[in-house]
Amino acid sequence: MITLLLAAQAAIGAHAIPSVTRASPVPGGSRTDVQIIQSALHGTARRGALSLQGTLSLEGLTMRDGQVTPGAWGEGYIDSRHPHTWVHELVVSLGDPISLPVVRWSLSAGKGFAAYGSDDPMGRPPVLFPANHHWSQVLERAMVTGAVRAGPVTLEGSLFNGDEPEDPGQWPDFSRFGDSWSLRGMLAVRGVELQLSRARVKSPEHRQGAGLEHLMWHGSARLDRDARAGRVYALVELARVDEEGAFEFGTALAEAQLVAGAHRPYLRFERTERPEETRALEDPFRGVRPHNENSNLGTTRWTTYTAGYGRRLPWRLGPARFEAIGEIMYAHVTRVTGIVFDPEPFYGGNDLWTLSVGLRIGAGAPMPRMGRYGAAAGHTNGHIH
């Protein structure tokens, strides 16, 4: 693996956003976070039929208590986006040693993203993550993925462990490897990508495997290409999650961005249903673990509108690149099911505002699209910042 990293085709980069985020109302009134978010080292390398893609996340150091984000949830965090694990992805892929003109195949293994859904929000326009992060991606799993690509069509299948991490330093439970699976099909033509995924994830929120199984569907359309006004990106996605008939959740999201010279305006709309978990007494932004279906107090629906603007700065500091970012998010939350949890008295209102400003710093190679390994990485556009 070290030899592969030192190959001539290696590309290494770094990424971080020092930021200030204020949200109000949240549990306790309001919250302001001053921290470094999305801090990561990333790299790709290729040597013959072998390729490596890795991302080392430093968020366990730089945002240990999460980033305040009303509506976000997952990995034991609620209304606060969780830090990713130290090894966010580390995947080795073996491709066809003979380059065929029509069909390519690959077999990938390691820790990373299962073949399901859309891109990690770290590689998308807004600073704040969407509420549907764990409905639209299956991440940080021990996985084996096979992919076949024929022209514009790619088919993938993954086997992985169902349990999601509960701490930045936690590794997958390898004894559960293979208890979950996913399938994804993609069609990519001239900057337009259509995608449909299905996954069955066993007990993701209960590490010992006693929780409900998730049957997940996801579909999306993605645009990323040049236009007269600049580089245009857009994503529309829909997803549905069925927890063995006990609970059902849906999400719809649309986002767009225009990169015109140094300017990068963007917008996002999202409507997502999420479970309301029993919260820890010592921290209202954390859920009780181990989680089970008895911890679900009902379902809320989050409707959010996000607008932001990035301005590339002319600063030079060695290989570093800089972009100033300002972003505002408005969220409206309503109760869908359940009588135990009522968002209005809990938050002090149904309307929540979040303001975030930051400085995006990048050096070296741009971050590749996470979760696209081997043959699936061959015909997709890269990072959209």
Protein backbone atom coordinates (compact mmCIF):
# COMPACT_ATOMS: atom_id res chain seq x y z
CA MET A 1 0.00 0.00 0.00
CA ILE A 2 2.87 2.41 0.79
CA THR A 3 4.39 1.62 -2.59
CA LEU A 4 1.07 2.44 -4.22
CA LEU A 5 0.90 5.79 -2.43
CA LEU A 6 4.34 6.66 -3.78
CA ALA A 7 3.34 5.83 -7.36
CA ALA A 8 3.78 8.43 -10.08
CA GLN A 9 0.00 8.76 -10.48
CA ALA A 10 -0.55 9.83 -6.85
CA ALA A 11 -2.50 12.98 -5.95
CA ILE A 12 -2.68 14.29 -2.37
CA GLY A 13 -4.56 17.25 -0.92
CA ALA A 14 -5.88 18.86 2.26
CA HIS A 15 -9.09 20.69 3.11
CA ALA A 16 -10.47 22.61 6.12
CA ILE A 17 -12.96 25.39 6.95
CA PRO A 18 -12.37 27.56 10.04
CA SER A 19 -15.91 28.73 10.76
CA VAL A 20 -18.36 30.41 13.10
CA THR A 21 -21.88 28.97 13.21
CA ARG A 22 -24.78 30.36 15.26
CA ALA A 23 -28.19 28.71 15.50
CA SER A 24 -31.31 29.95 17.28
CA PRO A 25 -33.47 28.64 18.73
CA VAL A 26 -31.99 25.27 19.66
CA PRO A 27 -32.25 23.26 22.90
CA GLY A 28 -31.14 25.67 25.60
CA GLY A 29 -31.94 28.83 23.60
CA SER A 30 -29.10 29.36 21.10
CA ARG A 31 -25.67 27.95 20.34
CA THR A 32 -22.54 29.38 18.71
CA ASP A 33 -19.73 27.13 17.50
CA VAL A 34 -16.27 28.48 16.65
CA GLN A 35 -14.32 25.59 15.18
CA ILE A 36 -12.61 24.02 12.19
CA ILE A 37 -15.01 21.85 10.19
CA GLN A 38 -14.49 19.45 7.27
CA SER A 39 -10.82 19.09 8.17
CA ALA A 40 -9.39 16.27 6.08
CA LEU A 41 -6.36 14.90 4.27
CA HIS A 42 -7.18 13.00 1.10
CA GLY A 43 -5.37 11.22 -1.68
CA THR A 44 -5.64 8.91 -4.65
CA ALA A 45 -3.02 6.75 -6.30
CA ARG A 46 -2.87 4.34 -9.18
CA ARG A 47 -0.33 1.77 -10.28
CA GLY A 48 -1.26 -0.62 -13.05
CA ALA A 49 -4.52 -2.38 -12.19
CA LEU A 50 -4.45 -1.19 -8.56
CA SER A 51 -5.81 2.09 -7.23
CA LEU A 52 -6.18 3.56 -3.77
CA GLN A 53 -8.53 6.25 -2.45
CA GLY A 54 -8.25 7.51 1.11
CA THR A 55 -9.61 10.30 3.32
CA LEU A 56 -8.32 10.94 6.83
CA SER A 57 -10.76 13.07 8.83
CA LEU A 58 -9.45 15.29 11.64
CA GLU A 59 -12.91 16.32 12.88
CA GLY A 60 -12.47 14.21 16.01
CA LEU A 61 -9.93 16.87 17.03
CA THR A 62 -11.37 20.02 15.46
CA MET A 63 -15.13 19.55 16.16
CA ARG A 64 -15.34 16.83 18.80
CA ASP A 65 -18.79 17.98 20.00
CA GLY A 66 -20.17 18.24 16.48
CA GLN A 67 -21.29 21.26 14.46
CA VAL A 68 -24.60 22.84 15.40
CA THR A 69 -27.02 22.10 12.52
CA PRO A 70 -30.76 22.07 13.32
CA GLY A 71 -32.38 19.03 11.73
CA ALA A 72 -29.15 17.03 11.40
CA TRP A 73 -28.92 13.66 13.14
CA GLY A 74 -26.95 10.42 13.06
CA GLU A 75 -24.25 8.48 14.91
CA GLY A 76 -25.69 9.60 18.25
CA TYR A 77 -25.77 13.34 17.45
CA ILE A 78 -29.02 15.34 17.15
CA ASP A 79 -29.28 18.92 15.82
CA SER A 80 -25.50 18.75 15.64
CA ARG A 81 -23.62 17.25 12.70
CA HIS A 82 -21.35 14.47 13.95
CA PRO A 83 -17.58 14.39 13.41
CA HIS A 84 -16.54 11.69 10.97
CA THR A 85 -14.27 8.83 11.99
CA TRP A 86 -10.52 9.22 11.67
CA VAL A 87 -10.41 6.91 8.67
CA HIS A 88 -13.32 8.25 6.67
CA GLU A 89 -12.43 6.06 3.71
CA LEU A 90 -9.51 3.85 2.76
CA VAL A 91 -10.33 1.68 -0.24
CA VAL A 92 -8.13 -0.36 -2.55
CA SER A 93 -9.51 -1.25 -5.99
CA LEU A 94 -8.39 -3.87 -8.48
CA GLY A 95 -9.44 -3.07 -12.04
CA ASP A 96 -9.30 -4.98 -15.28
CA PRO A 97 -5.60 -5.33 -16.13
CA ILE A 98 -6.46 -5.26 -19.83
CA SER A 99 -8.19 -2.05 -20.88
CA LEU A 100 -11.23 -3.16 -22.85
CA PRO A 101 -12.83 -0.64 -25.21
CA VAL A 102 -16.42 -1.24 -24.04
CA VAL A 103 -16.56 -2.98 -20.66
CA ARG A 104 -14.55 -2.33 -17.49
CA TRP A 105 -14.81 -4.06 -14.11
CA SER A 106 -13.36 -3.55 -10.66
CA LEU A 107 -13.39 -5.05 -7.18
CA SER A 108 -12.90 -2.66 -4.25
CA ALA A 109 -12.43 -3.37 -0.55
CA GLY A 110 -11.71 -1.38 2.60
CA LYS A 111 -13.50 1.13 4.78
CA GLY A 112 -15.65 3.66 2.99
CA PHE A 113 -19.01 4.19 1.33
CA ALA A 114 -21.35 1.44 0.22
CA ALA A 115 -22.66 1.69 -3.35
CA TYR A 116 -25.73 3.69 -2.44
CA GLY A 117 -27.13 7.16 -2.99
CA SER A 118 -25.53 10.51 -3.70
CA ASP A 119 -22.25 12.24 -2.83
CA ASP A 120 -20.97 12.96 0.66
CA PRO A 121 -22.12 16.53 1.54
CA MET A 122 -18.47 17.44 2.25
CA GLY A 123 -17.97 17.59 -1.52
CA ARG A 124 -21.13 19.63 -2.24
CA PRO A 125 -21.79 23.41 -2.15
CA PRO A 126 -23.26 24.24 1.30
CA VAL A 127 -21.24 24.28 4.49
CA LEU A 128 -24.07 22.87 6.63
CA PHE A 129 -24.93 19.22 6.02
CA PRO A 130 -28.49 18.28 5.03
CA ALA A 131 -30.77 16.44 7.45
CA ASN A 132 -30.93 13.48 5.05
CA HIS A 133 -27.22 12.59 5.30
CA HIS A 134 -27.98 9.12 6.70
CA TRP A 135 -30.92 8.55 4.34
CA SER A 136 -28.89 9.38 1.22
CA GLN A 137 -25.44 7.91 1.97
CA VAL A 138 -24.23 4.74 3.72
CA LEU A 139 -20.78 5.65 4.97
CA GLU A 140 -17.82 4.51 7.04
CA ARG A 141 -18.48 0.78 6.63
CA ALA A 142 -16.17 -2.17 6.07
CA MET A 143 -17.19 -2.93 2.50
CA VAL A 144 -16.49 -4.95 -0.60
CA THR A 145 -17.88 -3.48 -3.82
CA GLY A 146 -17.96 -4.89 -7.31
CA ALA A 147 -18.54 -2.60 -10.29
CA VAL A 148 -19.07 -3.12 -14.00
CA ARG A 149 -19.08 -0.22 -16.45
CA ALA A 150 -20.22 -0.47 -20.06
CA GLY A 151 -20.09 2.85 -21.88
CA PRO A 152 -22.31 5.32 -19.98
CA VAL A 153 -23.84 2.64 -17.70
CA THR A 154 -22.36 1.51 -14.38
CA LEU A 155 -23.72 -1.18 -12.07
CA GLU A 156 -22.38 -1.68 -8.53
CA GLY A 157 -23.07 -3.98 -5.61
CA SER A 158 -21.72 -3.84 -2.04
CA LEU A 159 -21.56 -6.11 0.98
CA PHE A 160 -20.86 -4.38 4.29
CA ASN A 161 -21.55 -4.27 8.03
CA GLY A 162 -24.79 -2.63 9.11
CA ASP A 163 -23.59 -0.88 12.26
CA GLU A 164 -22.67 2.79 12.03
CA PRO A 165 -19.95 4.29 14.24
CA GLU A 166 -20.80 6.03 17.49
CA ASP A 167 -17.43 7.72 18.04
CA PRO A 168 -14.67 9.12 15.79
CA GLY A 169 -12.28 6.39 16.92
CA GLN A 170 -14.67 3.47 16.50
CA TRP A 171 -14.06 0.87 13.79
CA PRO A 172 -16.74 -1.25 12.12
CA ASP A 173 -17.84 -4.42 13.90
CA PHE A 174 -16.16 -6.87 11.55
CA SER A 175 -18.18 -9.78 13.00
CA ARG A 176 -21.20 -8.17 11.31
CA PHE A 177 -19.57 -7.88 7.89
CA GLY A 178 -21.91 -9.05 5.14
CA ASP A 179 -25.15 -8.63 7.09
CA SER A 180 -26.10 -5.71 4.79
CA TRP A 181 -26.03 -5.08 1.04
CA SER A 182 -26.67 -2.38 -1.55
CA LEU A 183 -27.07 -2.03 -5.31
CA ARG A 184 -26.64 1.07 -7.45
CA GLY A 185 -27.11 1.77 -11.14
CA MET A 186 -25.90 4.92 -12.89
CA LEU A 187 -26.26 6.42 -16.35
CA ALA A 188 -23.89 9.30 -17.15
CA VAL A 189 -24.03 11.27 -20.41
CA ARG A 190 -22.53 14.73 -21.11
CA GLY A 191 -22.39 15.90 -17.52
CA VAL A 192 -25.79 14.48 -16.56
CA GLU A 193 -25.89 11.52 -14.17
CA LEU A 194 -29.01 9.52 -13.31
CA GLN A 195 -28.76 7.15 -10.35
CA LEU A 196 -31.01 4.60 -8.61
CA SER A 197 -30.05 2.69 -5.46
CA ARG A 198 -31.50 0.08 -3.13
CA ALA A 199 -30.05 -1.08 0.18
CA ARG A 200 -30.93 -3.35 3.07
CA VAL A 201 -29.06 -2.22 6.18
CA LYS A 202 -29.32 -4.37 9.29
CA SER A 203 -29.65 -2.54 12.61
CA PRO A 204 -27.51 0.53 11.79
CA GLU A 205 -28.24 2.35 15.06
CA HIS A 206 -27.79 -0.61 17.42
CA ARG A 207 -24.24 -1.94 17.27
CA GLN A 208 -25.12 -5.34 18.71
CA GLY A 209 -27.65 -5.92 15.90
CA ALA A 210 -30.88 -5.78 17.92
CA GLY A 211 -32.31 -2.72 16.15
CA LEU A 212 -34.68 -2.47 13.20
CA GLU A 213 -33.54 -3.23 9.66
CA HIS A 214 -33.63 -0.39 7.13
CA LEU A 215 -34.94 -1.01 3.62
CA MET A 216 -33.75 2.02 1.64
CA TRP A 217 -34.46 3.44 -1.82
CA HIS A 218 -32.71 6.43 -3.39
CA GLY A 219 -32.92 8.12 -6.77
CA SER A 220 -31.16 11.22 -8.06
CA ALA A 221 -30.36 13.33 -11.09
CA ARG A 222 -27.08 15.29 -11.11
CA LEU A 223 -25.82 17.94 -13.53
CA ASP A 224 -22.24 19.19 -13.63
CA ARG A 225 -20.98 20.91 -16.77
CA ASP A 226 -19.89 24.18 -18.33
CA ALA A 227 -22.39 26.78 -19.54
CA ARG A 228 -22.10 30.32 -20.87
CA ALA A 229 -22.47 31.81 -17.40
CA GLY A 230 -19.90 29.47 -15.83
CA ARG A 231 -19.74 26.00 -14.32
CA VAL A 232 -23.23 24.77 -13.41
CA TYR A 233 -23.99 22.11 -10.82
CA ALA A 234 -27.42 20.85 -9.74
CA LEU A 235 -28.72 17.85 -7.80
CA VAL A 236 -32.24 16.55 -7.21
CA GLU A 237 -32.70 13.50 -4.99
CA LEU A 238 -35.52 11.49 -3.44
CA ALA A 239 -35.21 8.72 -0.85
CA ARG A 240 -37.45 6.48 1.21
CA VAL A 241 -36.58 4.39 4.27
CA ASP A 242 -38.79 1.65 5.76
CA GLU A 243 -37.85 0.33 9.21
CA GLU A 244 -39.61 -3.06 9.03
CA GLY A 245 -42.97 -1.33 8.71
CA ALA A 246 -42.68 0.22 12.19
CA PHE A 247 -41.47 3.60 10.92
CA GLU A 248 -41.19 5.17 7.48
CA PHE A 249 -39.24 8.26 6.49
CA GLY A 250 -39.00 10.24 3.28
CA THR A 251 -36.75 12.98 1.96
CA ALA A 252 -36.60 15.30 -1.04
CA LEU A 253 -33.70 17.65 -1.76
CA ALA A 254 -32.71 20.02 -4.55
CA GLU A 255 -29.55 22.13 -4.68
CA ALA A 256 -27.76 24.18 -7.32
CA GLN A 257 -24.60 26.20 -7.76
CA LEU A 258 -23.01 28.48 -10.32
CA VAL A 259 -19.25 29.00 -10.39
CA ALA A 260 -18.52 32.15 -12.40
CA GLY A 261 -14.91 33.25 -12.08
CA ALA A 262 -14.21 33.89 -8.39
CA HIS A 263 -17.90 33.88 -7.45
CA ARG A 264 -19.92 30.87 -6.25
CA PRO A 265 -23.58 31.47 -5.29
CA TYR A 266 -25.62 28.41 -4.31
CA LEU A 267 -29.05 27.37 -3.01
CA ARG A 268 -30.56 24.30 -1.36
CA PHE A 269 -34.12 23.21 -0.55
CA GLU A 270 -34.82 20.14 1.57
CA ARG A 271 -37.81 18.41 3.14
CA THR A 272 -36.81 15.47 5.30
CA GLU A 273 -38.52 13.32 7.92
CA ARG A 274 -36.33 12.15 10.78
CA PRO A 275 -36.77 10.04 13.94
CA GLU A 276 -36.87 11.86 17.26
CA GLU A 277 -34.69 9.88 19.65
CA THR A 278 -34.55 9.98 23.41
CA ARG A 279 -31.88 12.56 24.24
CA ALA A 280 -29.14 12.26 26.81
CA LEU A 281 -29.88 14.05 30.07
CA GLU A 282 -26.40 15.58 30.21
CA ASP A 283 -26.43 16.82 26.58
CA PRO A 284 -29.60 17.59 24.57
CA PHE A 285 -27.55 17.35 21.34
CA ARG A 286 -26.75 13.67 21.90
CA GLY A 287 -28.95 10.57 21.72
CA VAL A 288 -29.01 7.65 24.12
CA ARG A 289 -26.90 4.67 23.00
CA PRO A 290 -27.41 1.81 22.42
CA HIS A 291 -30.39 2.94 20.38
CA ASN A 292 -33.44 0.75 19.73
CA GLU A 293 -36.96 1.23 18.40
CA ASN A 294 -38.21 2.02 21.90
CA SER A 295 -36.04 5.16 21.83
CA ASN A 296 -38.11 6.63 18.96
CA LEU A 297 -40.45 9.30 20.32
CA GLY A 298 -42.04 10.09 16.96
CA THR A 299 -41.25 11.65 13.60
CA THR A 300 -40.65 15.28 12.69
CA ARG A 301 -40.50 16.89 9.26
CA TRP A 302 -37.80 19.46 8.55
CA THR A 303 -38.26 21.94 5.70
CA THR A 304 -35.09 23.95 5.15
CA TYR A 305 -34.01 26.71 2.78
CA THR A 306 -30.29 27.45 2.45
CA ALA A 307 -28.58 30.25 0.54
CA GLY A 308 -24.87 30.85 0.39
CA TYR A 309 -22.09 32.63 -1.44
CA GLY A 310 -18.44 31.82 -1.84
CA ARG A 311 -15.78 34.28 -3.05
CA ARG A 312 -12.39 32.94 -4.09
CA LEU A 313 -9.67 35.15 -2.63
CA PRO A 314 -6.49 36.21 -4.44
CA TRP A 315 -4.32 35.28 -1.46
CA ARG A 316 -1.24 33.12 -1.96
CA LEU A 317 0.37 31.08 0.78
CA GLY A 318 2.42 28.33 -0.81
CA PRO A 319 0.04 25.77 -2.38
CA ALA A 320 -2.98 26.92 -0.32
CA ARG A 321 -6.18 28.24 -1.90
CA PHE A 322 -8.70 30.40 0.00
CA GLU A 323 -12.42 31.10 -0.34
CA ALA A 324 -14.60 33.24 1.96
CA ILE A 325 -18.05 31.75 2.59
CA GLY A 326 -21.28 33.13 4.05
CA GLU A 327 -24.38 30.97 4.46
CA ILE A 328 -27.84 31.27 6.01
CA MET A 329 -30.34 28.49 6.66
CA TYR A 330 -33.99 28.74 7.69
CA ALA A 331 -35.69 25.59 8.99
CA HIS A 332 -39.33 24.93 9.82
CA VAL A 333 -40.04 21.84 11.91
CA THR A 334 -43.41 20.13 12.43
CA ARG A 335 -44.55 16.97 14.18
CA VAL A 336 -45.65 14.13 11.88
CA THR A 337 -46.27 11.24 14.29
CA GLY A 338 -46.02 10.59 18.00
CA ILE A 339 -47.43 12.43 20.99
CA VAL A 340 -44.37 12.36 23.25
CA PHE A 341 -42.15 14.81 21.34
CA ASP A 342 -43.53 18.24 20.38
CA PRO A 343 -40.93 20.44 18.62
CA GLU A 344 -42.53 23.81 19.36
CA PRO A 345 -42.11 23.83 23.17
CA PHE A 346 -38.86 21.84 22.94
CA TYR A 347 -37.13 24.39 20.70
CA GLY A 348 -39.14 27.42 21.74
CA GLY A 349 -40.70 27.73 18.28
CA ASN A 350 -41.11 25.98 14.94
CA ASP A 351 -38.84 28.34 13.00
CA LEU A 352 -35.08 28.05 13.40
CA TRP A 353 -32.31 30.16 11.86
CA THR A 354 -28.65 29.32 11.35
CA LEU A 355 -25.89 31.62 10.14
CA SER A 356 -22.45 30.34 9.19
CA VAL A 357 -19.36 32.17 7.97
CA GLY A 358 -16.04 30.58 7.21
CA LEU A 359 -12.84 30.46 5.22
CA ARG A 360 -12.42 27.40 3.01
CA ILE A 361 -8.77 26.42 2.73
CA GLY A 362 -7.58 23.87 0.21
CA ALA A 363 -4.14 22.69 -0.83
CA GLY A 364 -2.93 20.19 -3.37
CA ALA A 365 -5.33 18.04 -5.34
CA PRO A 366 -9.07 18.73 -5.08
CA MET A 367 -11.07 16.19 -3.12
CA PRO A 368 -12.36 13.33 -5.31
CA ARG A 369 -15.98 12.16 -5.23
CA MET A 370 -16.22 9.89 -2.22
CA GLY A 371 -17.85 6.51 -2.68
CA ARG A 372 -17.01 6.20 -6.38
CA TYR A 373 -14.39 3.46 -6.55
CA GLY A 374 -12.73 1.51 -9.34
CA ALA A 375 -14.75 1.38 -12.54
CA ALA A 376 -17.42 3.65 -11.00
CA ALA A 377 -14.89 6.48 -10.68
CA GLY A 378 -13.90 6.43 -14.33
CA HIS A 379 -16.66 8.53 -15.88
CA THR A 380 -17.79 10.85 -13.08
CA ASN A 381 -16.96 14.50 -12.62
CA GLY A 382 -14.87 15.43 -9.60
CA HIS A 383 -15.21 17.85 -6.72
CA ILE A 384 -17.60 20.72 -7.42
CA HIS A 385 -16.03 23.53 -5.32
